[in-house]
Full PDB file with SEQRES, HELIX, SHEET, SSBOND, CRYST1, ORIGX, SCALE, CONECT and MASTER records, all heavy atoms in Angstrom:
SEQRES   1 A   38  PHE GLU ARG ARG ALA GLY ARG GLN GLN GLY TRP GLY VAL          
SEQRES   2 A   38  GLY LEU MET VAL VAL ALA VAL ALA LEU PHE LEU TRP LEU          
SEQRES   3 A   38  GLY TYR LEU LEU LEU ILE PRO PHE THR VAL HIS HIS              
HELIX    1 AA1 GLU A    2  LEU A   31  1                                  30    
CRYST1    1.000    1.000    1.000  90.00  90.00  90.00 P 1           1          
ORIGX1      1.000000  0.000000  0.000000        0.00000                         
ORIGX2      0.000000  1.000000  0.000000        0.00000                         
ORIGX3      0.000000  0.000000  1.000000        0.00000                         
SCALE1      1.000000  0.000000  0.000000        0.00000                         
SCALE2      0.000000  1.000000  0.000000        0.00000                         
SCALE3      0.000000  0.000000  1.000000        0.00000                         
ATOM      1  N   PHE A   1     104.661  74.218  85.905  1.00  0.00           N  
ATOM      2  CA  PHE A   1     103.646  75.206  85.354  1.00  0.00           C  
ATOM      3  C   PHE A   1     102.825  75.613  86.598  1.00  0.00           C  
ATOM      4  O   PHE A   1     102.530  76.767  86.669  1.00  0.00           O  
ATOM      5  CB  PHE A   1     102.891  74.494  84.360  1.00  0.00           C  
ATOM      6  CG  PHE A   1     102.119  75.554  83.365  1.00  0.00           C  
ATOM      7  CD1 PHE A   1     102.840  76.138  82.337  1.00  0.00           C  
ATOM      8  CD2 PHE A   1     100.797  75.764  83.535  1.00  0.00           C  
ATOM      9  CE1 PHE A   1     102.319  76.922  81.494  1.00  0.00           C  
ATOM     10  CE2 PHE A   1     100.217  76.646  82.752  1.00  0.00           C  
ATOM     11  CZ  PHE A   1     100.853  77.235  81.661  1.00  0.00           C  
ATOM     12  N   GLU A   2     102.375  74.696  87.429  1.00  0.00           N  
ATOM     13  CA  GLU A   2     101.601  75.017  88.546  1.00  0.00           C  
ATOM     14  C   GLU A   2     102.366  75.950  89.548  1.00  0.00           C  
ATOM     15  O   GLU A   2     101.746  76.929  90.086  1.00  0.00           O  
ATOM     16  CB  GLU A   2     101.136  73.879  89.245  1.00  0.00           C  
ATOM     17  CG  GLU A   2      99.991  73.049  88.594  1.00  0.00           C  
ATOM     18  CD  GLU A   2      98.650  73.728  88.791  1.00  0.00           C  
ATOM     19  OE1 GLU A   2      98.425  74.289  89.773  1.00  0.00           O  
ATOM     20  OE2 GLU A   2      97.854  73.566  87.841  1.00  0.00           O  
ATOM     21  N   ARG A   3     103.628  75.688  89.764  1.00  0.00           N  
ATOM     22  CA  ARG A   3     104.439  76.490  90.698  1.00  0.00           C  
ATOM     23  C   ARG A   3     104.582  77.870  90.214  1.00  0.00           C  
ATOM     24  O   ARG A   3     104.362  78.899  90.892  1.00  0.00           O  
ATOM     25  CB  ARG A   3     105.766  75.804  90.800  1.00  0.00           C  
ATOM     26  CG  ARG A   3     106.557  76.333  91.926  1.00  0.00           C  
ATOM     27  CD  ARG A   3     107.909  75.714  92.134  1.00  0.00           C  
ATOM     28  NE  ARG A   3     108.772  75.532  90.925  1.00  0.00           N  
ATOM     29  CZ  ARG A   3     109.482  76.698  90.438  1.00  0.00           C  
ATOM     30  NH1 ARG A   3     109.487  77.757  91.162  1.00  0.00           N  
ATOM     31  NH2 ARG A   3     110.219  76.478  89.424  1.00  0.00           N  
ATOM     32  N   ARG A   4     104.747  78.104  88.854  1.00  0.00           N  
ATOM     33  CA  ARG A   4     104.917  79.441  88.327  1.00  0.00           C  
ATOM     34  C   ARG A   4     103.620  80.065  88.348  1.00  0.00           C  
ATOM     35  O   ARG A   4     103.516  81.339  88.652  1.00  0.00           O  
ATOM     36  CB  ARG A   4     105.366  79.401  86.939  1.00  0.00           C  
ATOM     37  CG  ARG A   4     106.959  79.198  86.817  1.00  0.00           C  
ATOM     38  CD  ARG A   4     107.423  79.475  85.434  1.00  0.00           C  
ATOM     39  NE  ARG A   4     107.538  78.093  84.771  1.00  0.00           N  
ATOM     40  CZ  ARG A   4     107.442  77.923  83.583  1.00  0.00           C  
ATOM     41  NH1 ARG A   4     107.149  78.912  82.708  1.00  0.00           N  
ATOM     42  NH2 ARG A   4     107.659  76.696  83.008  1.00  0.00           N  
ATOM     43  N   ALA A   5     102.441  79.485  88.064  1.00  0.00           N  
ATOM     44  CA  ALA A   5     101.131  80.032  88.181  1.00  0.00           C  
ATOM     45  C   ALA A   5     100.897  80.502  89.622  1.00  0.00           C  
ATOM     46  O   ALA A   5     100.255  81.543  89.817  1.00  0.00           O  
ATOM     47  CB  ALA A   5     100.092  79.081  87.612  1.00  0.00           C  
ATOM     48  N   GLY A   6     101.169  79.611  90.593  1.00  0.00           N  
ATOM     49  CA  GLY A   6     100.982  80.048  91.994  1.00  0.00           C  
ATOM     50  C   GLY A   6     101.794  81.240  92.377  1.00  0.00           C  
ATOM     51  O   GLY A   6     101.368  82.019  93.142  1.00  0.00           O  
ATOM     52  N   ARG A   7     103.014  81.256  91.866  1.00  0.00           N  
ATOM     53  CA  ARG A   7     103.930  82.418  92.289  1.00  0.00           C  
ATOM     54  C   ARG A   7     103.291  83.667  91.660  1.00  0.00           C  
ATOM     55  O   ARG A   7     103.186  84.693  92.289  1.00  0.00           O  
ATOM     56  CB  ARG A   7     105.366  82.222  91.749  1.00  0.00           C  
ATOM     57  CG  ARG A   7     106.247  83.313  92.205  1.00  0.00           C  
ATOM     58  CD  ARG A   7     107.736  83.051  91.814  1.00  0.00           C  
ATOM     59  NE  ARG A   7     108.096  81.670  91.561  1.00  0.00           N  
ATOM     60  CZ  ARG A   7     108.704  81.229  90.519  1.00  0.00           C  
ATOM     61  NH1 ARG A   7     108.997  81.984  89.514  1.00  0.00           N  
ATOM     62  NH2 ARG A   7     109.090  79.996  90.409  1.00  0.00           N  
ATOM     63  N   GLN A   8     102.800  83.574  90.540  1.00  0.00           N  
ATOM     64  CA  GLN A   8     102.201  84.763  89.766  1.00  0.00           C  
ATOM     65  C   GLN A   8     101.007  85.165  90.586  1.00  0.00           C  
ATOM     66  O   GLN A   8     100.725  86.448  90.719  1.00  0.00           O  
ATOM     67  CB  GLN A   8     101.777  84.350  88.334  1.00  0.00           C  
ATOM     68  CG  GLN A   8     101.295  85.605  87.507  1.00  0.00           C  
ATOM     69  CD  GLN A   8     101.026  85.064  86.051  1.00  0.00           C  
ATOM     70  OE1 GLN A   8     101.216  84.004  85.677  1.00  0.00           O  
ATOM     71  NE2 GLN A   8     100.692  86.149  85.276  1.00  0.00           N  
ATOM     72  N   GLN A   9     100.123  84.260  90.950  1.00  0.00           N  
ATOM     73  CA  GLN A   9      98.949  84.570  91.787  1.00  0.00           C  
ATOM     74  C   GLN A   9      99.373  85.220  93.156  1.00  0.00           C  
ATOM     75  O   GLN A   9      98.795  86.125  93.519  1.00  0.00           O  
ATOM     76  CB  GLN A   9      98.113  83.311  92.016  1.00  0.00           C  
ATOM     77  CG  GLN A   9      97.284  82.942  90.948  1.00  0.00           C  
ATOM     78  CD  GLN A   9      96.359  81.782  91.358  1.00  0.00           C  
ATOM     79  OE1 GLN A   9      96.850  80.833  91.914  1.00  0.00           O  
ATOM     80  NE2 GLN A   9      95.094  81.919  90.937  1.00  0.00           N  
ATOM     81  N   GLY A  10     100.424  84.651  93.716  1.00  0.00           N  
ATOM     82  CA  GLY A  10     100.853  85.255  95.009  1.00  0.00           C  
ATOM     83  C   GLY A  10     101.332  86.720  94.863  1.00  0.00           C  
ATOM     84  O   GLY A  10     101.067  87.574  95.748  1.00  0.00           O  
ATOM     85  N   TRP A  11     102.059  87.090  93.809  1.00  0.00           N  
ATOM     86  CA  TRP A  11     102.493  88.424  93.602  1.00  0.00           C  
ATOM     87  C   TRP A  11     101.318  89.282  93.311  1.00  0.00           C  
ATOM     88  O   TRP A  11     101.239  90.387  93.818  1.00  0.00           O  
ATOM     89  CB  TRP A  11     103.459  88.455  92.333  1.00  0.00           C  
ATOM     90  CG  TRP A  11     104.834  88.211  92.621  1.00  0.00           C  
ATOM     91  CD1 TRP A  11     105.551  87.137  92.499  1.00  0.00           C  
ATOM     92  CD2 TRP A  11     105.700  89.196  93.327  1.00  0.00           C  
ATOM     93  NE1 TRP A  11     106.864  87.296  92.965  1.00  0.00           N  
ATOM     94  CE2 TRP A  11     106.985  88.532  93.453  1.00  0.00           C  
ATOM     95  CE3 TRP A  11     105.607  90.531  93.708  1.00  0.00           C  
ATOM     96  CZ2 TRP A  11     108.073  89.131  94.069  1.00  0.00           C  
ATOM     97  CZ3 TRP A  11     106.690  91.092  94.406  1.00  0.00           C  
ATOM     98  CH2 TRP A  11     107.893  90.429  94.511  1.00  0.00           C  
ATOM     99  N   GLY A  12     100.246  88.727  92.567  1.00  0.00           N  
ATOM    100  CA  GLY A  12      99.071  89.544  92.354  1.00  0.00           C  
ATOM    101  C   GLY A  12      98.267  89.860  93.715  1.00  0.00           C  
ATOM    102  O   GLY A  12      97.858  90.928  93.898  1.00  0.00           O  
ATOM    103  N   VAL A  13      98.200  88.780  94.534  1.00  0.00           N  
ATOM    104  CA  VAL A  13      97.584  89.060  95.927  1.00  0.00           C  
ATOM    105  C   VAL A  13      98.399  90.006  96.674  1.00  0.00           C  
ATOM    106  O   VAL A  13      97.745  91.021  97.330  1.00  0.00           O  
ATOM    107  CB  VAL A  13      97.341  87.742  96.697  1.00  0.00           C  
ATOM    108  CG1 VAL A  13      97.051  87.974  98.101  1.00  0.00           C  
ATOM    109  CG2 VAL A  13      96.350  86.889  95.930  1.00  0.00           C  
ATOM    110  N   GLY A  14      99.703  89.922  96.711  1.00  0.00           N  
ATOM    111  CA  GLY A  14     100.472  90.858  97.433  1.00  0.00           C  
ATOM    112  C   GLY A  14     100.282  92.258  96.923  1.00  0.00           C  
ATOM    113  O   GLY A  14     100.189  93.167  97.785  1.00  0.00           O  
ATOM    114  N   LEU A  15     100.285  92.466  95.662  1.00  0.00           N  
ATOM    115  CA  LEU A  15     100.162  93.790  95.143  1.00  0.00           C  
ATOM    116  C   LEU A  15      98.671  94.362  95.442  1.00  0.00           C  
ATOM    117  O   LEU A  15      98.578  95.648  95.789  1.00  0.00           O  
ATOM    118  CB  LEU A  15     100.381  93.879  93.685  1.00  0.00           C  
ATOM    119  CG  LEU A  15     101.863  93.820  93.275  1.00  0.00           C  
ATOM    120  CD1 LEU A  15     102.108  93.621  91.758  1.00  0.00           C  
ATOM    121  CD2 LEU A  15     102.714  95.010  93.811  1.00  0.00           C  
ATOM    122  N   MET A  16      97.739  93.565  95.431  1.00  0.00           N  
ATOM    123  CA  MET A  16      96.363  93.957  95.758  1.00  0.00           C  
ATOM    124  C   MET A  16      96.275  94.327  97.232  1.00  0.00           C  
ATOM    125  O   MET A  16      95.594  95.241  97.578  1.00  0.00           O  
ATOM    126  CB  MET A  16      95.319  93.016  95.303  1.00  0.00           C  
ATOM    127  CG  MET A  16      95.199  92.875  93.840  1.00  0.00           C  
ATOM    128  SD  MET A  16      93.693  91.919  93.358  1.00  0.00           S  
ATOM    129  CE  MET A  16      94.275  90.319  93.687  1.00  0.00           C  
ATOM    130  N   VAL A  17      96.982  93.688  98.077  1.00  0.00           N  
ATOM    131  CA  VAL A  17      96.960  93.901  99.554  1.00  0.00           C  
ATOM    132  C   VAL A  17      97.672  95.367  99.706  1.00  0.00           C  
ATOM    133  O   VAL A  17      97.136  96.204 100.615  1.00  0.00           O  
ATOM    134  CB  VAL A  17      97.714  92.881 100.371  1.00  0.00           C  
ATOM    135  CG1 VAL A  17      98.082  93.393 101.823  1.00  0.00           C  
ATOM    136  CG2 VAL A  17      96.941  91.589 100.381  1.00  0.00           C  
ATOM    137  N   VAL A  18      98.753  95.600  98.984  1.00  0.00           N  
ATOM    138  CA  VAL A  18      99.369  96.964  99.083  1.00  0.00           C  
ATOM    139  C   VAL A  18      98.390  97.980  98.662  1.00  0.00           C  
ATOM    140  O   VAL A  18      98.188  99.036  99.283  1.00  0.00           O  
ATOM    141  CB  VAL A  18     100.641  96.948  98.224  1.00  0.00           C  
ATOM    142  CG1 VAL A  18     101.193  98.424  98.027  1.00  0.00           C  
ATOM    143  CG2 VAL A  18     101.678  96.180  98.852  1.00  0.00           C  
ATOM    144  N   ALA A  19      97.603  97.781  97.480  1.00  0.00           N  
ATOM    145  CA  ALA A  19      96.625  98.725  97.091  1.00  0.00           C  
ATOM    146  C   ALA A  19      95.566  98.871  98.059  1.00  0.00           C  
ATOM    147  O   ALA A  19      95.130 100.077  98.244  1.00  0.00           O  
ATOM    148  CB  ALA A  19      96.129  98.318  95.645  1.00  0.00           C  
ATOM    149  N   VAL A  20      95.038  97.877  98.618  1.00  0.00           N  
ATOM    150  CA  VAL A  20      93.963  97.989  99.584  1.00  0.00           C  
ATOM    151  C   VAL A  20      94.463  98.840 100.840  1.00  0.00           C  
ATOM    152  O   VAL A  20      93.806  99.667 101.426  1.00  0.00           O  
ATOM    153  CB  VAL A  20      93.470  96.616 100.032  1.00  0.00           C  
ATOM    154  CG1 VAL A  20      92.650  96.657 101.329  1.00  0.00           C  
ATOM    155  CG2 VAL A  20      92.679  95.878  98.997  1.00  0.00           C  
ATOM    156  N   ALA A  21      95.689  98.569 101.278  1.00  0.00           N  
ATOM    157  CA  ALA A  21      96.242  99.340 102.408  1.00  0.00           C  
ATOM    158  C   ALA A  21      96.285 100.868 102.041  1.00  0.00           C  
ATOM    159  O   ALA A  21      95.975 101.717 102.919  1.00  0.00           O  
ATOM    160  CB  ALA A  21      97.611  98.794 102.792  1.00  0.00           C  
ATOM    161  N   LEU A  22      96.756 101.207 100.790  1.00  0.00           N  
ATOM    162  CA  LEU A  22      96.774 102.554 100.509  1.00  0.00           C  
ATOM    163  C   LEU A  22      95.316 103.143 100.376  1.00  0.00           C  
ATOM    164  O   LEU A  22      95.198 104.348 100.803  1.00  0.00           O  
ATOM    165  CB  LEU A  22      97.433 102.669  99.119  1.00  0.00           C  
ATOM    166  CG  LEU A  22      98.981 102.445  99.126  1.00  0.00           C  
ATOM    167  CD1 LEU A  22      99.595 102.493  97.740  1.00  0.00           C  
ATOM    168  CD2 LEU A  22      99.657 103.584  99.923  1.00  0.00           C  
ATOM    169  N   PHE A  23      94.410 102.419  99.815  1.00  0.00           N  
ATOM    170  CA  PHE A  23      93.023 102.980  99.727  1.00  0.00           C  
ATOM    171  C   PHE A  23      92.541 103.111 101.173  1.00  0.00           C  
ATOM    172  O   PHE A  23      91.638 104.022 101.400  1.00  0.00           O  
ATOM    173  CB  PHE A  23      92.215 102.002  98.896  1.00  0.00           C  
ATOM    174  CG  PHE A  23      92.295 102.157  97.483  1.00  0.00           C  
ATOM    175  CD1 PHE A  23      92.617 101.106  96.547  1.00  0.00           C  
ATOM    176  CD2 PHE A  23      92.114 103.440  96.903  1.00  0.00           C  
ATOM    177  CE1 PHE A  23      92.793 101.359  95.198  1.00  0.00           C  
ATOM    178  CE2 PHE A  23      92.230 103.704  95.501  1.00  0.00           C  
ATOM    179  CZ  PHE A  23      92.591 102.609  94.731  1.00  0.00           C  
ATOM    180  N   LEU A  24      92.747 102.256 102.142  1.00  0.00           N  
ATOM    181  CA  LEU A  24      92.247 102.378 103.504  1.00  0.00           C  
ATOM    182  C   LEU A  24      92.889 103.526 104.145  1.00  0.00           C  
ATOM    183  O   LEU A  24      92.216 104.365 104.826  1.00  0.00           O  
ATOM    184  CB  LEU A  24      92.550 101.106 104.287  1.00  0.00           C  
ATOM    185  CG  LEU A  24      91.758  99.875 103.966  1.00  0.00           C  
ATOM    186  CD1 LEU A  24      92.258  98.606 104.716  1.00  0.00           C  
ATOM    187  CD2 LEU A  24      90.299 100.133 104.315  1.00  0.00           C  
ATOM    188  N   TRP A  25      94.172 103.800 103.845  1.00  0.00           N  
ATOM    189  CA  TRP A  25      94.844 105.069 104.379  1.00  0.00           C  
ATOM    190  C   TRP A  25      94.160 106.271 103.847  1.00  0.00           C  
ATOM    191  O   TRP A  25      93.967 107.180 104.540  1.00  0.00           O  
ATOM    192  CB  TRP A  25      96.277 104.934 104.092  1.00  0.00           C  
ATOM    193  CG  TRP A  25      97.116 106.093 104.662  1.00  0.00           C  
ATOM    194  CD1 TRP A  25      96.990 106.734 105.797  1.00  0.00           C  
ATOM    195  CD2 TRP A  25      98.325 106.607 104.076  1.00  0.00           C  
ATOM    196  NE1 TRP A  25      97.883 107.752 105.964  1.00  0.00           N  
ATOM    197  CE2 TRP A  25      98.730 107.684 104.911  1.00  0.00           C  
ATOM    198  CE3 TRP A  25      99.093 106.393 102.893  1.00  0.00           C  
ATOM    199  CZ2 TRP A  25      99.853 108.463 104.637  1.00  0.00           C  
ATOM    200  CZ3 TRP A  25     100.173 107.066 102.654  1.00  0.00           C  
ATOM    201  CH2 TRP A  25     100.586 108.162 103.570  1.00  0.00           C  
ATOM    202  N   LEU A  26      93.960 106.292 102.551  1.00  0.00           N  
ATOM    203  CA  LEU A  26      93.223 107.429 101.961  1.00  0.00           C  
ATOM    204  C   LEU A  26      91.871 107.623 102.582  1.00  0.00           C  
ATOM    205  O   LEU A  26      91.501 108.750 102.867  1.00  0.00           O  
ATOM    206  CB  LEU A  26      93.072 107.226 100.449  1.00  0.00           C  
ATOM    207  CG  LEU A  26      92.303 108.246  99.643  1.00  0.00           C  
ATOM    208  CD1 LEU A  26      93.021 109.599  99.732  1.00  0.00           C  
ATOM    209  CD2 LEU A  26      92.152 107.830  98.250  1.00  0.00           C  
ATOM    210  N   GLY A  27      91.098 106.515 102.757  1.00  0.00           N  
ATOM    211  CA  GLY A  27      89.762 106.673 103.333  1.00  0.00           C  
ATOM    212  C   GLY A  27      89.893 107.208 104.870  1.00  0.00           C  
ATOM    213  O   GLY A  27      89.193 108.009 105.253  1.00  0.00           O  
ATOM    214  N   TYR A  28      90.995 106.759 105.549  1.00  0.00           N  
ATOM    215  CA  TYR A  28      91.252 107.267 106.906  1.00  0.00           C  
ATOM    216  C   TYR A  28      91.502 108.759 106.900  1.00  0.00           C  
ATOM    217  O   TYR A  28      90.849 109.600 107.640  1.00  0.00           O  
ATOM    218  CB  TYR A  28      92.420 106.533 107.619  1.00  0.00           C  
ATOM    219  CG  TYR A  28      92.794 107.189 108.902  1.00  0.00           C  
ATOM    220  CD1 TYR A  28      92.137 106.894 110.005  1.00  0.00           C  
ATOM    221  CD2 TYR A  28      93.975 107.958 108.869  1.00  0.00           C  
ATOM    222  CE1 TYR A  28      92.521 107.445 111.203  1.00  0.00           C  
ATOM    223  CE2 TYR A  28      94.375 108.474 110.103  1.00  0.00           C  
ATOM    224  CZ  TYR A  28      93.673 108.297 111.242  1.00  0.00           C  
ATOM    225  OH  TYR A  28      94.009 108.827 112.441  1.00  0.00           O  
ATOM    226  N   LEU A  29      92.304 109.227 105.961  1.00  0.00           N  
ATOM    227  CA  LEU A  29      92.650 110.658 105.824  1.00  0.00           C  
ATOM    228  C   LEU A  29      91.447 111.496 105.374  1.00  0.00           C  
ATOM    229  O   LEU A  29      91.353 112.645 105.746  1.00  0.00           O  
ATOM    230  CB  LEU A  29      93.807 110.700 104.785  1.00  0.00           C  
ATOM    231  CG  LEU A  29      95.150 110.286 105.222  1.00  0.00           C  
ATOM    232  CD1 LEU A  29      96.122 110.399 104.032  1.00  0.00           C  
ATOM    233  CD2 LEU A  29      95.714 110.939 106.410  1.00  0.00           C  
ATOM    234  N   LEU A  30      90.590 110.927 104.572  1.00  0.00           N  
ATOM    235  CA  LEU A  30      89.411 111.676 104.176  1.00  0.00           C  
ATOM    236  C   LEU A  30      88.328 111.671 105.099  1.00  0.00           C  
ATOM    237  O   LEU A  30      87.531 112.698 105.090  1.00  0.00           O  
ATOM    238  CB  LEU A  30      89.044 111.132 102.747  1.00  0.00           C  
ATOM    239  CG  LEU A  30      89.736 111.452 101.472  1.00  0.00           C  
ATOM    240  CD1 LEU A  30      89.277 110.661 100.348  1.00  0.00           C  
ATOM    241  CD2 LEU A  30      89.868 112.884 101.318  1.00  0.00           C  
ATOM    242  N   LEU A  31      88.053 110.622 105.804  1.00  0.00           N  
ATOM    243  CA  LEU A  31      86.870 110.479 106.625  1.00  0.00           C  
ATOM    244  C   LEU A  31      86.891 110.682 108.140  1.00  0.00           C  
ATOM    245  O   LEU A  31      85.825 110.745 108.714  1.00  0.00           O  
ATOM    246  CB  LEU A  31      86.199 109.067 106.327  1.00  0.00           C  
ATOM    247  CG  LEU A  31      85.908 108.736 104.797  1.00  0.00           C  
ATOM    248  CD1 LEU A  31      85.552 107.353 104.587  1.00  0.00           C  
ATOM    249  CD2 LEU A  31      84.929 109.734 104.286  1.00  0.00           C  
ATOM    250  N   ILE A  32      88.134 110.597 108.676  1.00  0.00           N  
ATOM    251  CA  ILE A  32      88.189 110.631 110.112  1.00  0.00           C  
ATOM    252  C   ILE A  32      88.642 112.015 110.536  1.00  0.00           C  
ATOM    253  O   ILE A  32      89.596 112.594 110.031  1.00  0.00           O  
ATOM    254  CB  ILE A  32      89.311 109.665 110.537  1.00  0.00           C  
ATOM    255  CG1 ILE A  32      88.959 108.253 110.054  1.00  0.00           C  
ATOM    256  CG2 ILE A  32      89.517 109.688 112.087  1.00  0.00           C  
ATOM    257  CD1 ILE A  32      87.589 107.700 110.586  1.00  0.00           C  
ATOM    258  N   PRO A  33      87.918 112.617 111.548  1.00  0.00           N  
ATOM    259  CA  PRO A  33      88.303 113.915 112.105  1.00  0.00           C  
ATOM    260  C   PRO A  33      89.644 113.789 112.799  1.00  0.00           C  
ATOM    261  O   PRO A  33      90.009 112.778 113.273  1.00  0.00           O  
ATOM    262  CB  PRO A  33      87.194 114.241 113.101  1.00  0.00           C  
ATOM    263  CG  PRO A  33      86.091 113.251 112.911  1.00  0.00           C  
ATOM    264  CD  PRO A  33      86.609 112.123 112.084  1.00  0.00           C  
ATOM    265  N   PHE A  34      90.321 114.965 112.952  1.00  0.00           N  
ATOM    266  CA  PHE A  34      91.633 114.904 113.531  1.00  0.00           C  
ATOM    267  C   PHE A  34      91.948 116.185 114.338  1.00  0.00           C  
ATOM    268  O   PHE A  34      91.170 117.101 114.267  1.00  0.00           O  
ATOM    269  CB  PHE A  34      92.711 114.717 112.412  1.00  0.00           C  
ATOM    270  CG  PHE A  34      92.676 115.690 111.348  1.00  0.00           C  
ATOM    271  CD1 PHE A  34      93.684 116.769 111.399  1.00  0.00           C  
ATOM    272  CD2 PHE A  34      91.733 115.789 110.324  1.00  0.00           C  
ATOM    273  CE1 PHE A  34      93.611 117.777 110.455  1.00  0.00           C  
ATOM    274  CE2 PHE A  34      91.784 116.669 109.384  1.00  0.00           C  
ATOM    275  CZ  PHE A  34      92.692 117.690 109.377  1.00  0.00           C  
ATOM    276  N   THR A  35      93.109 116.149 115.046  1.00  0.00           N  
ATOM    277  CA  THR A  35      93.479 117.321 115.769  1.00  0.00           C  
ATOM    278  C   THR A  35      94.745 117.843 115.310  1.00  0.00           C  
ATOM    279  O   THR A  35      95.686 117.076 115.027  1.00  0.00           O  
ATOM    280  CB  THR A  35      93.662 116.943 117.276  1.00  0.00           C  
ATOM    281  OG1 THR A  35      92.407 116.306 117.777  1.00  0.00           O  
ATOM    282  CG2 THR A  35      93.969 118.067 118.204  1.00  0.00           C  
ATOM    283  N   VAL A  36      94.897 119.106 115.139  1.00  0.00           N  
ATOM    284  CA  VAL A  36      96.097 119.806 114.892  1.00  0.00           C  
ATOM    285  C   VAL A  36      96.749 120.441 116.051  1.00  0.00           C  
ATOM    286  O   VAL A  36      96.057 121.254 116.675  1.00  0.00           O  
ATOM    287  CB  VAL A  36      95.864 120.846 113.691  1.00  0.00           C  
ATOM    288  CG1 VAL A  36      97.076 121.563 113.406  1.00  0.00           C  
ATOM    289  CG2 VAL A  36      95.319 120.135 112.419  1.00  0.00           C  
ATOM    290  N   HIS A  37      97.985 120.236 116.259  1.00  0.00           N  
ATOM    291  CA  HIS A  37      98.667 120.871 117.381  1.00  0.00           C  
ATOM    292  C   HIS A  37      99.422 122.044 116.893  1.00  0.00           C  
ATOM    293  O   HIS A  37     100.215 121.951 115.966  1.00  0.00           O  
ATOM    294  CB  HIS A  37      99.590 119.830 118.141  1.00  0.00           C  
ATOM    295  CG  HIS A  37      98.900 118.701 118.631  1.00  0.00           C  
ATOM    296  ND1 HIS A  37      98.181 118.701 119.822  1.00  0.00           N  
ATOM    297  CD2 HIS A  37      98.854 117.350 118.166  1.00  0.00           C  
ATOM    298  CE1 HIS A  37      97.643 117.532 120.067  1.00  0.00           C  
ATOM    299  NE2 HIS A  37      98.082 116.614 119.027  1.00  0.00           N  
ATOM    300  N   HIS A  38      99.224 123.266 117.537  1.00  0.00           N  
ATOM    301  CA  HIS A  38      99.833 124.483 117.031  1.00  0.00           C  
ATOM    302  C   HIS A  38     100.232 125.161 118.253  1.00  0.00           C  
ATOM    303  O   HIS A  38      99.476 125.780 119.040  1.00  0.00           O  
ATOM    304  CB  HIS A  38      98.918 125.297 116.146  1.00  0.00           C  
ATOM    305  CG  HIS A  38      99.529 126.594 115.594  1.00  0.00           C  
ATOM    306  ND1 HIS A  38     100.534 126.464 114.697  1.00  0.00           N  
ATOM    307  CD2 HIS A  38      99.407 127.837 115.888  1.00  0.00           C  
ATOM    308  CE1 HIS A  38     100.926 127.685 114.291  1.00  0.00           C  
ATOM    309  NE2 HIS A  38     100.292 128.596 115.047  1.00  0.00           N  
TER     310      HIS A  38                                                      
MASTER        0    0    0    1    0    0    0    6  309    1    0    3          
END                                                                             
């Protein structure tokens, strides 16, 4: 039971890390000035 609960928590943490990475990327795209090469 503990092993299954730990695996479930691990998947939850992994998915939250993915979400945090996407939110950080969004913040970077919205808040950081950039250069366009034309």
